[in-house]
Protein backbone atom coordinates (compact mmCIF):
# COMPACT_ATOMS: atom_id res chain seq x y z
CA UNK A 1 0.00 0.00 0.00
CA UNK A 2 1.31 3.41 -0.93
CA UNK A 3 2.85 5.33 1.94
CA UNK A 4 2.90 2.30 4.22
CA UNK A 5 5.57 2.45 6.89
CA UNK A 6 7.54 -0.78 7.06
CA UNK A 7 9.38 -1.51 10.28
CA UNK A 8 9.46 -5.33 10.35
CA UNK A 9 12.66 -6.61 8.73
CA UNK A 10 10.75 -9.52 7.25
CA UNK A 11 8.44 -7.13 5.42
CA UNK A 12 11.44 -5.30 3.97
CA UNK A 13 12.94 -8.46 2.50
CA UNK A 14 12.29 -10.44 -0.65
CA UNK A 15 8.77 -11.79 -1.25
CA UNK A 16 9.63 -15.22 0.18
CA UNK A 17 11.03 -13.63 3.33
CA UNK A 18 7.94 -11.44 3.64
CA UNK A 19 5.71 -14.51 3.33
CA UNK A 20 7.69 -16.52 5.88
CA UNK A 21 7.66 -13.52 8.20
CA UNK A 22 3.88 -13.44 8.18
CA UNK A 23 3.71 -17.20 8.72
CA UNK A 24 6.24 -17.05 11.55
CA UNK A 25 3.96 -14.79 13.56
CA UNK A 26 1.21 -17.41 13.24
CA UNK A 27 3.45 -20.42 13.76
CA UNK A 28 5.32 -19.15 16.82
CA UNK A 29 2.43 -19.79 19.25
CA UNK A 30 2.10 -23.37 17.95
CA UNK A 31 5.81 -24.00 18.31
CA UNK A 32 5.90 -22.60 21.84
CA UNK A 33 2.82 -24.60 22.74
CA UNK A 34 4.75 -27.71 21.75
CA UNK A 35 7.32 -26.68 24.33
CA UNK A 36 4.70 -25.75 26.97
CA UNK A 37 5.69 -22.08 26.60
CA UNK A 38 3.01 -19.39 26.70
CA UNK A 39 3.05 -17.81 23.23
CA UNK A 40 2.50 -14.30 24.50
CA UNK A 41 5.72 -14.48 26.56
CA UNK A 42 8.00 -15.48 23.74
CA UNK A 43 11.15 -13.41 23.55
CA UNK A 44 10.55 -11.53 26.85
CA UNK A 45 13.24 -13.23 28.89
CA UNK A 46 12.29 -15.07 32.10
CA UNK A 47 8.56 -15.29 32.72
CA UNK A 48 8.41 -17.81 35.52
CA UNK A 49 9.67 -21.13 36.72
CA UNK A 50 7.25 -23.36 34.85
CA UNK A 51 7.69 -23.92 31.15
CA UNK A 52 9.10 -20.57 30.03
CA UNK A 53 12.15 -18.84 28.67
CA UNK A 54 14.88 -17.98 31.13
CA UNK A 55 16.77 -14.71 31.21
CA UNK A 56 19.40 -16.03 28.80
CA UNK A 57 17.02 -17.84 26.48
CA UNK A 58 17.25 -21.34 28.07
CA UNK A 59 14.19 -23.59 28.12
CA UNK A 60 13.25 -24.49 31.72
CA UNK A 61 9.91 -26.19 31.38
CA UNK A 62 8.96 -29.70 30.43
CA UNK A 63 9.02 -30.29 26.69
CA UNK A 64 5.90 -31.74 25.12
CA UNK A 65 7.75 -33.98 22.66
CA UNK A 66 4.75 -35.21 20.57
CA UNK A 67 3.51 -31.64 20.27
CA UNK A 68 6.95 -30.44 19.27
CA UNK A 69 7.25 -33.10 16.54
CA UNK A 70 3.82 -32.26 15.13
CA UNK A 71 4.59 -28.56 15.22
CA UNK A 72 7.94 -28.99 13.48
CA UNK A 73 6.26 -31.05 10.76
CA UNK A 74 3.63 -28.37 10.30
CA UNK A 75 6.30 -25.69 10.01
CA UNK A 76 8.14 -27.68 7.33
CA UNK A 77 4.97 -28.26 5.32
CA UNK A 78 3.93 -24.64 5.60
CA UNK A 79 7.39 -23.52 4.52
CA UNK A 80 7.06 -25.60 1.37
CA UNK A 81 3.59 -24.22 0.79
CA UNK A 82 4.91 -20.71 1.25
CA UNK A 83 7.52 -21.23 -1.44
CA UNK A 84 4.98 -22.79 -3.80
CA UNK A 85 2.44 -20.06 -3.17
CA UNK A 86 4.99 -17.34 -3.75
CA UNK A 87 6.20 -18.87 -6.96
CA UNK A 88 2.59 -18.77 -8.18
CA UNK A 89 3.49 -19.19 -11.83
CA UNK A 90 6.81 -17.43 -11.57
CA UNK A 91 8.69 -20.72 -11.64
CA UNK A 92 9.04 -22.15 -15.15
CA UNK A 93 7.10 -25.32 -15.82
CA UNK A 94 10.28 -27.04 -17.01
CA UNK A 95 13.62 -26.90 -15.23
CA UNK A 96 16.62 -29.15 -15.76
CA UNK A 97 20.09 -28.72 -14.35
CA UNK A 98 23.44 -30.19 -15.32
CA UNK A 99 26.73 -30.33 -13.39
CA UNK A 100 29.53 -28.05 -14.59
CA UNK A 101 33.07 -27.24 -13.57
CA UNK A 102 33.86 -24.81 -10.77
CA UNK A 103 32.28 -21.36 -10.80
CA UNK A 104 30.61 -21.31 -14.22
CA UNK A 105 30.68 -17.69 -15.38
CA UNK A 106 29.40 -17.45 -18.97
CA UNK A 107 27.42 -19.40 -21.56
CA UNK A 108 27.16 -19.34 -25.35
CA UNK A 109 24.85 -21.25 -27.70
CA UNK A 110 25.23 -22.47 -31.31
CA UNK A 111 25.14 -25.67 -33.38
CA UNK A 112 28.74 -26.78 -33.02
CA UNK A 113 28.66 -30.24 -34.63
CA UNK A 114 26.41 -29.62 -37.64
CA UNK A 115 23.55 -31.88 -36.53
CA UNK A 116 20.95 -29.10 -36.63
CA UNK A 117 20.58 -28.80 -32.86
CA UNK A 118 21.95 -26.01 -30.72
CA UNK A 119 24.69 -26.89 -28.25
CA UNK A 120 25.65 -24.99 -25.10
CA UNK A 121 29.15 -23.95 -24.06
CA UNK A 122 29.93 -23.07 -20.44
CA UNK A 123 33.03 -21.18 -19.30
CA UNK A 124 34.16 -22.33 -15.86
CA UNK A 125 36.15 -19.54 -14.26
CA UNK A 126 37.10 -21.60 -11.20
CA UNK A 127 39.04 -24.32 -13.00
CA UNK A 128 40.13 -22.71 -16.27
CA UNK A 129 37.98 -24.80 -18.60
CA UNK A 130 35.06 -24.74 -20.99
CA UNK A 131 32.55 -27.55 -21.43
CA UNK A 132 30.25 -28.43 -24.32
CA UNK A 133 26.73 -29.76 -23.72
CA UNK A 134 25.35 -31.32 -26.91
CA UNK A 135 21.80 -30.47 -27.94
CA UNK A 136 19.11 -32.84 -29.24
CA UNK A 137 15.63 -32.73 -30.81
CA UNK A 138 14.04 -32.99 -27.37
CA UNK A 139 15.77 -29.83 -26.22
CA UNK A 140 17.56 -31.74 -23.49
CA UNK A 141 21.30 -31.55 -23.27
CA UNK A 142 23.72 -34.43 -23.09
CA UNK A 143 26.18 -34.49 -20.20
CA UNK A 144 29.13 -32.24 -20.77
CA UNK A 145 32.13 -33.38 -22.71
CA UNK A 146 35.47 -33.68 -20.99
CA UNK A 147 36.53 -30.18 -19.82
CA UNK A 148 38.67 -28.31 -22.34
CA UNK A 149 41.54 -26.17 -21.05
CA UNK A 150 40.74 -22.52 -21.80
CA UNK A 151 43.37 -20.45 -20.03
CA UNK A 152 43.28 -18.54 -16.78
CA UNK A 153 39.86 -17.83 -15.25
CA UNK A 154 37.56 -17.85 -18.30
CA UNK A 155 35.20 -14.92 -17.70
CA UNK A 156 33.41 -14.79 -21.05
CA UNK A 157 32.99 -17.03 -24.09
CA UNK A 158 31.69 -16.38 -27.58
CA UNK A 159 31.09 -18.63 -30.57
CA UNK A 160 32.21 -17.31 -33.95
CA UNK A 161 33.81 -18.69 -37.12
CA UNK A 162 37.45 -17.59 -36.92
CA UNK A 163 38.93 -19.54 -39.86
CA UNK A 164 36.07 -19.47 -42.41
CA UNK A 165 35.47 -23.21 -42.33
CA UNK A 166 31.76 -22.64 -41.57
CA UNK A 167 31.73 -23.95 -38.03
CA UNK A 168 31.72 -22.14 -34.71
CA UNK A 169 35.01 -21.67 -32.90
CA UNK A 170 35.39 -20.50 -29.30
CA UNK A 171 36.82 -17.19 -28.11
CA UNK A 172 37.49 -16.95 -24.36
CA UNK A 173 38.35 -13.88 -22.28
CA UNK A 174 40.89 -14.76 -19.58
CA UNK A 175 40.22 -12.63 -16.51
CA UNK A 176 43.16 -11.37 -14.42
CA UNK A 177 45.22 -11.41 -17.63
CA UNK A 178 45.24 -9.50 -20.90
CA UNK A 179 44.94 -12.72 -22.92
CA UNK A 180 42.27 -14.15 -25.19
CA UNK A 181 42.18 -17.91 -25.78
CA UNK A 182 41.11 -19.30 -29.18
CA UNK A 183 39.79 -22.85 -29.57
CA UNK A 184 39.21 -24.12 -33.11
CA UNK A 185 36.36 -26.49 -33.97
CA UNK A 186 37.09 -29.54 -36.13
CA UNK A 187 33.49 -29.50 -37.40
CA UNK A 188 32.38 -32.26 -35.04
CA UNK A 189 32.23 -30.14 -31.89
CA UNK A 190 35.75 -31.05 -30.82
CA UNK A 191 38.13 -28.23 -29.97
CA UNK A 192 41.88 -27.60 -29.93
CA UNK A 193 43.90 -24.43 -29.33
CA UNK A 194 44.56 -22.25 -32.38
CA UNK A 195 48.28 -22.08 -33.32
CA UNK A 196 48.64 -18.50 -32.06
CA UNK A 197 46.51 -18.95 -28.95
CA UNK A 198 46.41 -17.22 -26.54
CA UNK A 199 46.37 -13.76 -28.14
CA UNK A 200 47.86 -10.76 -26.35
CA UNK A 201 45.43 -7.82 -26.22
CA UNK A 202 47.55 -5.52 -24.02
CA UNK A 203 44.38 -4.59 -22.14
CA UNK A 204 44.98 -3.01 -18.75
CA UNK A 205 44.58 -4.10 -16.03
CA UNK A 206 42.92 -7.20 -17.50
CA UNK A 207 39.98 -8.34 -19.61
CA UNK A 208 36.48 -9.07 -18.34
CA UNK A 209 34.41 -9.76 -21.44
CA UNK A 210 34.67 -9.65 -25.19
CA UNK A 211 32.75 -8.76 -28.33
CA UNK A 212 33.12 -10.47 -31.70
CA UNK A 213 32.05 -9.75 -35.28
CA UNK A 214 33.32 -8.52 -38.63
CA UNK A 215 33.82 -4.93 -37.50
CA UNK A 216 35.71 -3.68 -40.58
CA UNK A 217 33.75 -5.52 -43.29
CA UNK A 218 36.65 -7.52 -44.69
CA UNK A 219 34.88 -10.87 -44.29
CA UNK A 220 36.91 -12.01 -41.28
CA UNK A 221 35.65 -11.92 -37.71
CA UNK A 222 37.42 -9.68 -35.24
CA UNK A 223 37.64 -9.58 -31.43
CA UNK A 224 37.32 -6.59 -29.10
CA UNK A 225 38.03 -6.32 -25.36
CA UNK A 226 37.94 -3.41 -22.94
CA UNK A 227 41.05 -1.76 -21.49
CA UNK A 228 39.77 0.21 -18.53
CA UNK A 229 43.05 1.74 -17.36
CA UNK A 230 43.99 3.12 -20.79
CA UNK A 231 40.49 4.27 -21.79
CA UNK A 232 40.54 2.12 -24.91
CA UNK A 233 38.84 -0.69 -26.71
CA UNK A 234 41.49 -3.12 -27.91
CA UNK A 235 40.70 -4.76 -31.26
CA UNK A 236 42.28 -7.93 -32.65
CA UNK A 237 41.59 -8.06 -36.39
CA UNK A 238 41.08 -11.41 -38.08
CA UNK A 239 42.44 -12.30 -41.50
CA UNK A 240 43.67 -15.11 -43.71
CA UNK A 241 46.97 -15.15 -41.83
CA UNK A 242 45.33 -15.13 -38.42
CA UNK A 243 45.13 -12.20 -36.02
CA UNK A 244 47.37 -9.18 -36.12
CA UNK A 245 48.66 -7.11 -33.24
CA UNK A 246 45.95 -5.52 -31.08
CA UNK A 247 45.00 -1.95 -31.93
CA UNK A 248 43.76 0.57 -29.37
CA UNK A 249 40.74 2.80 -30.02
CA UNK A 250 40.44 5.64 -27.52
CA UNK A 251 36.83 6.05 -26.32
CA UNK A 252 37.25 9.08 -24.04
CA UNK A 253 36.18 7.33 -20.86
CA UNK A 254 36.78 4.15 -18.88
CA UNK A 255 35.19 1.21 -20.75
CA UNK A 256 33.95 -1.29 -18.19
CA UNK A 257 33.10 -4.10 -17.95
CA UNK A 258 31.44 -5.97 -20.84
CA UNK A 259 31.30 -4.83 -24.44
CA UNK A 260 28.54 -5.65 -26.89
CA UNK A 261 28.41 -6.11 -30.66
CA UNK A 262 25.47 -5.39 -32.98
CA UNK A 263 24.57 -3.44 -36.10
CA UNK A 264 22.91 -0.41 -34.49
CA UNK A 265 23.52 2.02 -37.37
CA UNK A 266 21.82 -0.02 -40.07
CA UNK A 267 24.85 -0.05 -42.37
CA UNK A 268 25.10 -3.85 -42.40
CA UNK A 269 28.25 -3.93 -40.29
CA UNK A 270 28.64 -4.88 -36.67
CA UNK A 271 29.50 -2.04 -34.31
CA UNK A 272 31.20 -2.31 -30.92
CA UNK A 273 28.98 -1.17 -28.06
CA UNK A 274 30.92 0.26 -25.13
CA UNK A 275 29.71 0.96 -21.57
CA UNK A 276 31.32 4.29 -20.63
CA UNK A 277 31.75 3.69 -16.94
CA UNK A 278 33.33 6.96 -15.89
CA UNK A 279 30.93 9.39 -17.58
CA UNK A 280 27.73 7.31 -17.65
CA UNK A 281 27.54 6.90 -21.39
CA UNK A 282 27.01 4.33 -24.11
CA UNK A 283 29.53 4.64 -26.94
CA UNK A 284 29.41 3.13 -30.42
CA UNK A 285 32.61 2.28 -32.30
CA UNK A 286 32.13 1.93 -36.05
CA UNK A 287 34.21 -0.24 -38.40
CA UNK A 288 36.27 -1.22 -35.37
CA UNK A 289 38.12 2.10 -35.66
CA UNK A 290 36.16 5.26 -34.90
CA UNK A 291 33.87 6.47 -32.14
CA UNK A 292 30.56 7.50 -33.73
CA UNK A 293 29.88 10.71 -31.84
CA UNK A 294 26.32 11.01 -33.13
CA UNK A 295 25.51 7.64 -31.54
CA UNK A 296 27.00 8.37 -28.11
CA UNK A 297 24.17 8.35 -25.56
CA UNK A 298 24.09 9.71 -22.01
CA UNK A 299 22.79 7.31 -19.36
CA UNK A 300 21.12 7.94 -15.99
CA UNK A 301 23.52 5.70 -14.07
CA UNK A 302 26.81 3.84 -14.37
CA UNK A 303 26.75 1.21 -17.14
CA UNK A 304 28.27 -2.25 -16.84
CA UNK A 305 27.24 -4.26 -19.90
CA UNK A 306 25.65 -3.56 -23.30
CA UNK A 307 23.79 -5.76 -25.82
CA UNK A 308 21.87 -5.00 -29.00
CA UNK A 309 18.57 -6.58 -30.13
CA UNK A 310 15.11 -5.68 -31.38
CA UNK A 311 13.14 -5.53 -28.14
CA UNK A 312 10.00 -3.77 -29.42
CA UNK A 313 9.34 -5.55 -32.72
CA UNK A 314 9.96 -2.62 -35.12
CA UNK A 315 12.78 -4.39 -36.99
CA UNK A 316 15.38 -1.94 -35.66
CA UNK A 317 18.23 -2.92 -33.34
CA UNK A 318 17.73 -1.41 -29.90
CA UNK A 319 20.28 -1.20 -27.10
CA UNK A 320 19.95 -2.72 -23.62
CA UNK A 321 22.36 -1.51 -20.94
CA UNK A 322 22.96 -2.99 -17.49
CA UNK A 323 23.12 -0.09 -15.04
CA UNK A 324 23.89 0.05 -11.34
CA UNK A 325 20.76 -1.54 -9.82
CA UNK A 326 18.85 -1.38 -13.06
CA UNK A 327 18.61 -1.88 -16.79
CA UNK A 328 18.16 0.81 -19.41
CA UNK A 329 16.38 0.26 -22.72
CA UNK A 330 17.27 2.58 -25.62
CA UNK A 331 14.88 2.23 -28.54
CA UNK A 332 16.15 2.93 -32.04
CA UNK A 333 14.24 5.40 -34.18
CA UNK A 334 14.63 7.79 -37.11
CA UNK A 335 16.19 10.40 -34.82
CA UNK A 336 18.54 8.07 -32.98
CA UNK A 337 18.01 6.35 -29.64
CA UNK A 338 15.39 7.29 -27.07
CA UNK A 339 14.73 5.75 -23.67
CA UNK A 340 11.77 3.39 -23.57
CA UNK A 341 8.85 4.51 -21.37
CA UNK A 342 9.69 3.58 -17.78
CA UNK A 343 13.40 3.12 -18.45
CA UNK A 344 15.57 2.58 -16.51
CA UNK A 345 13.89 -0.39 -14.86
CA UNK A 346 14.92 -1.25 -11.31
CA UNK A 347 16.78 -4.54 -10.84
CA UNK A 348 18.77 -4.85 -7.61
CA UNK A 349 22.44 -5.72 -8.15
CA UNK A 350 21.93 -6.07 -11.90
CA UNK A 351 25.05 -7.64 -13.43
CA UNK A 352 24.26 -9.68 -16.53
CA UNK A 353 21.77 -9.33 -19.38
CA UNK A 354 20.66 -11.52 -22.25
CA UNK A 355 17.98 -11.07 -24.89
CA UNK A 356 15.90 -13.49 -26.94
CA UNK A 357 12.32 -14.47 -27.73
CA UNK A 358 11.02 -16.43 -24.73
CA UNK A 359 7.33 -16.56 -25.67
CA UNK A 360 7.37 -16.99 -29.46
CA UNK A 361 5.84 -13.60 -30.32
CA UNK A 362 8.75 -12.61 -32.54
CA UNK A 363 10.01 -9.91 -30.17
CA UNK A 364 13.14 -10.29 -28.06
CA UNK A 365 12.58 -10.31 -24.31
CA UNK A 366 15.16 -9.09 -21.78
CA UNK A 367 16.59 -11.19 -18.92
CA UNK A 368 18.65 -9.55 -16.18
CA UNK A 369 20.65 -11.48 -13.58
CA UNK A 370 21.95 -10.17 -10.23
CA UNK A 371 25.41 -10.56 -8.72
CA UNK A 372 23.84 -12.03 -5.59
CA UNK A 373 20.53 -13.84 -5.27
CA UNK A 374 18.61 -16.62 -6.97
CA UNK A 375 16.15 -14.76 -9.21
CA UNK A 376 16.30 -13.13 -12.61
CA UNK A 377 14.08 -10.32 -13.82
CA UNK A 378 12.42 -10.77 -17.20
CA UNK A 379 11.15 -7.74 -19.11
CA UNK A 380 8.67 -8.80 -21.77
CA UNK A 381 9.61 -7.44 -25.17
CA UNK A 382 7.46 -4.52 -26.33
CA UNK A 383 5.72 -3.83 -23.02
CA UNK A 384 8.73 -4.21 -20.69
CA UNK A 385 6.49 -5.47 -17.91
CA UNK A 386 8.78 -7.08 -15.31
CA UNK A 387 8.45 -10.62 -14.06
CA UNK A 388 10.70 -12.20 -11.43
CA UNK A 389 11.67 -15.84 -11.99
CA UNK A 390 13.52 -18.00 -9.49
CA UNK A 391 16.46 -19.75 -11.13
CA UNK A 392 19.56 -20.66 -9.13
CA UNK A 393 22.19 -19.08 -6.93
CA UNK A 394 24.14 -16.26 -8.59
CA UNK A 395 22.73 -16.48 -12.14
CA UNK A 396 25.42 -14.37 -13.80
CA UNK A 397 25.89 -16.28 -17.05
CA UNK A 398 22.76 -15.96 -19.21
CA UNK A 399 21.58 -16.87 -22.70
CA UNK A 400 18.22 -17.25 -24.44
CA UNK A 401 17.98 -19.80 -27.26
CA UNK A 402 15.38 -22.18 -28.70
CA UNK A 403 16.78 -25.62 -27.92
CA UNK A 404 13.73 -27.75 -28.79
CA UNK A 405 12.46 -26.10 -31.98
CA UNK A 406 9.14 -24.82 -30.60
CA UNK A 407 9.99 -21.19 -31.47
CA UNK A 408 10.09 -20.25 -27.80
CA UNK A 409 13.48 -19.66 -26.31
CA UNK A 410 14.78 -21.48 -23.27
CA UNK A 411 16.48 -19.51 -20.52
CA UNK A 412 19.97 -20.90 -20.02
CA UNK A 413 21.73 -19.95 -16.82
CA UNK A 414 25.19 -20.56 -15.41
CA UNK A 415 24.71 -21.01 -11.68
CA UNK A 416 28.02 -19.70 -10.38
CA UNK A 417 27.45 -20.54 -6.71
CA UNK A 418 26.18 -24.07 -7.37
CA UNK A 419 28.40 -25.38 -10.19
CA UNK A 420 25.35 -26.10 -12.29
CA UNK A 421 23.86 -25.19 -15.65
CA UNK A 422 20.10 -24.56 -15.53
CA UNK A 423 17.79 -24.75 -18.56
CA UNK A 424 14.26 -23.42 -18.12
CA UNK A 425 11.38 -23.74 -20.58
CA UNK A 426 8.11 -21.81 -20.77
CA UNK A 427 9.52 -18.93 -18.74
CA UNK A 428 6.76 -16.52 -19.79
CA UNK A 429 3.90 -18.99 -20.13
CA UNK A 430 1.05 -17.84 -17.89
CA UNK A 431 2.76 -14.53 -17.19
CA UNK A 432 0.04 -12.35 -15.81
CA UNK A 433 0.66 -9.55 -13.38
CA UNK A 434 4.20 -8.33 -13.20
CA UNK A 435 6.33 -8.95 -10.13
CA UNK A 436 8.74 -6.20 -9.15
CA UNK A 437 12.11 -7.14 -7.73
CA UNK A 438 12.74 -6.00 -4.16
CA UNK A 439 15.50 -3.49 -3.33
CA UNK A 440 18.81 -4.84 -2.13
CA UNK A 441 22.16 -3.54 -0.99
CA UNK A 442 24.53 -3.39 -3.94
CA UNK A 443 27.66 -3.51 -1.79
CA UNK A 444 30.15 -6.12 -2.96
CA UNK A 445 28.44 -6.81 -6.25
CA UNK A 446 31.59 -7.34 -8.23
């Protein structure tokens, strides 16, 4: 209710905590009754010699063991009911998880073995590997292949054809270094290091993420990483002889921490999308060489990550930016980019974003993951109505892709705190009223 004063810490928490808080006030008398403790005296210190709480919280009365067992059972059942009631349709109807390596950080999706089904690649930052989960007609993934060495602390992974043999190779950003690892596909979904791998980007202090695409229009895919300390985007240009020495493009601010790549100018070439962390801006680098000043956009908060996709169905590429505790949506139009109505949208501890069509309406939806927590926020494409979906602990590697051919994308999540990969179907089926994410302290998000 508007203007309501909230003093109970349970009521200030997430919806589940609010629900359990309300139940706890009803359950406490039952629990204390099981212990022969007068409910009204709970938490007041010593209230007498018979069946009460002593001054230091010790139980002095006779315990009614059968009552205690029944009460504990009731509490457990009600706790489950609370979680089910709160989920109300927020939890996807299909959820499967798969074990990964340590601290999975990023995911990428493409058909890697030419069988017509999309496969999933996971970058495991905790053990320096990537894993490939093979797709099938059912949409279910096969257990991961043997882990593939991918350099120090893989923080991001992309799938792109590096050698023009028409299959997807892997590009991996190695956090805490300035290196980029290249793994070439043999056409069957098996990978080996490229002869020149790893590539030196000279990024400072180190790389976090990467963007890939044919930035200069020469027919060969290129790689870009951010160099926060030097205020540059570092570009490694592909060619028939491999990759040349990294070039620096000054962007006039600190680029941090994940670049994007999309054709946002409509010229048929992929631009580099740069989060300008120091001056709250979104910068576009054209042809992998020049900052396009007429496409630089001011933002209402500090940006962290940028992606491009059509999120309102007008056939133009829009821009989605992860902001501090939020996500901004910049809609493309004849006069450039304008903020969508309601943007920026609040998402506590927003860290990661992915786009894709979750409900089969032909419009890309937006999924935002937090640095801490177990829920993602989904903004439906076109309307941007928010919906909170419980996934797994620390869902900071996200992708949306149709794995089963039903024209509705699955939500694919790297569960960094659980060493799992989660695949969720029908994320927006039955999505009625929107659920707004609760505020949270952003301290320690990265």
